[in-house]
């Protein structure tokens, strides 16, 4: 059952909702690629809610 729910979340309708702006991901932190290790430490500590984004300058 869990697999079915996961697949439903990945449906094309969900992706189009992101494309149209109806769904917006929550970005908790942004790090430059050079600070990927710091971003990984934050992820391991689980002290955030949302996505951790690595940016390429």
C-alpha atoms as a PDB file:
ATOM      1  CA  UNK A   1       0.000   0.000   0.000  1.00  0.00           C
ATOM      2  CA  UNK A   2       2.747   2.445   0.881  1.00  0.00           C
ATOM      3  CA  UNK A   3       4.235   2.056  -2.602  1.00  0.00           C
ATOM      4  CA  UNK A   4       0.896   2.945  -4.212  1.00  0.00           C
ATOM      5  CA  UNK A   5       0.660   6.180  -2.219  1.00  0.00           C
ATOM      6  CA  UNK A   6       4.225   7.085  -3.159  1.00  0.00           C
ATOM      7  CA  UNK A   7       3.500   6.559  -6.840  1.00  0.00           C
ATOM      8  CA  UNK A   8       0.344   8.657  -6.587  1.00  0.00           C
ATOM      9  CA  UNK A   9       2.418  11.528  -5.180  1.00  0.00           C
ATOM     10  CA  UNK A  10       4.700  11.319  -8.212  1.00  0.00           C
ATOM     11  CA  UNK A  11       1.819  11.612 -10.664  1.00  0.00           C
ATOM     12  CA  UNK A  12       2.074  14.016 -13.639  1.00  0.00           C
ATOM     13  CA  UNK A  13      -0.701  16.149 -12.124  1.00  0.00           C
ATOM     14  CA  UNK A  14       1.514  16.952  -9.134  1.00  0.00           C
ATOM     15  CA  UNK A  15       4.388  17.972 -11.388  1.00  0.00           C
ATOM     16  CA  UNK A  16       2.137  20.297 -13.371  1.00  0.00           C
ATOM     17  CA  UNK A  17       0.984  21.871 -10.090  1.00  0.00           C
ATOM     18  CA  UNK A  18       4.614  22.768  -9.372  1.00  0.00           C
ATOM     19  CA  UNK A  19       5.047  24.109 -12.901  1.00  0.00           C
ATOM     20  CA  UNK A  20       1.999  26.376 -12.605  1.00  0.00           C
ATOM     21  CA  UNK A  21       2.951  27.591  -9.134  1.00  0.00           C
ATOM     22  CA  UNK A  22      -0.021  26.005  -7.355  1.00  0.00           C
ATOM     23  CA  UNK A  23       2.413  23.983  -5.255  1.00  0.00           C
ATOM     24  CA  UNK A  24       5.590  25.666  -4.030  1.00  0.00           C
ATOM     25  CA  UNK A  25       8.366  23.782  -2.218  1.00  0.00           C
ATOM     26  CA  UNK A  26       9.451  25.136   1.152  1.00  0.00           C
ATOM     27  CA  UNK A  27      13.140  26.054   1.002  1.00  0.00           C
ATOM     28  CA  UNK A  28      14.674  25.888   4.469  1.00  0.00           C
ATOM     29  CA  UNK A  29      18.265  26.810   3.545  1.00  0.00           C
ATOM     30  CA  UNK A  30      20.391  27.586   0.499  1.00  0.00           C
ATOM     31  CA  UNK A  31      24.100  26.831   0.384  1.00  0.00           C
ATOM     32  CA  UNK A  32      26.669  27.463  -2.343  1.00  0.00           C
ATOM     33  CA  UNK A  33      28.062  24.226  -3.749  1.00  0.00           C
ATOM     34  CA  UNK A  34      31.374  24.956  -2.011  1.00  0.00           C
ATOM     35  CA  UNK A  35      29.557  24.522   1.338  1.00  0.00           C
ATOM     36  CA  UNK A  36      27.966  21.166   0.492  1.00  0.00           C
ATOM     37  CA  UNK A  37      29.561  19.565   3.563  1.00  0.00           C
ATOM     38  CA  UNK A  38      27.872  22.150   5.800  1.00  0.00           C
ATOM     39  CA  UNK A  39      24.544  21.481   4.084  1.00  0.00           C
ATOM     40  CA  UNK A  40      25.014  17.758   4.625  1.00  0.00           C
ATOM     41  CA  UNK A  41      25.708  18.284   8.337  1.00  0.00           C
ATOM     42  CA  UNK A  42      22.461  20.251   8.635  1.00  0.00           C
ATOM     43  CA  UNK A  43      20.606  17.467   6.840  1.00  0.00           C
ATOM     44  CA  UNK A  44      22.077  14.831   9.168  1.00  0.00           C
ATOM     45  CA  UNK A  45      21.093  16.868  12.238  1.00  0.00           C
ATOM     46  CA  UNK A  46      17.495  17.090  10.943  1.00  0.00           C
ATOM     47  CA  UNK A  47      17.199  20.598  12.389  1.00  0.00           C
ATOM     48  CA  UNK A  48      15.081  22.024   9.584  1.00  0.00           C
ATOM     49  CA  UNK A  49      11.722  21.832   7.846  1.00  0.00           C
ATOM     50  CA  UNK A  50      11.724  22.071   4.060  1.00  0.00           C
ATOM     51  CA  UNK A  51      14.311  21.573   1.353  1.00  0.00           C
ATOM     52  CA  UNK A  52      18.043  22.202   1.449  1.00  0.00           C
ATOM     53  CA  UNK A  53      19.200  23.695  -1.843  1.00  0.00           C
ATOM     54  CA  UNK A  54      22.733  23.748  -3.231  1.00  0.00           C
ATOM     55  CA  UNK A  55      23.359  26.637  -5.603  1.00  0.00           C
ATOM     56  CA  UNK A  56      25.953  26.796  -8.363  1.00  0.00           C
ATOM     57  CA  UNK A  57      27.573  30.187  -8.784  1.00  0.00           C
END
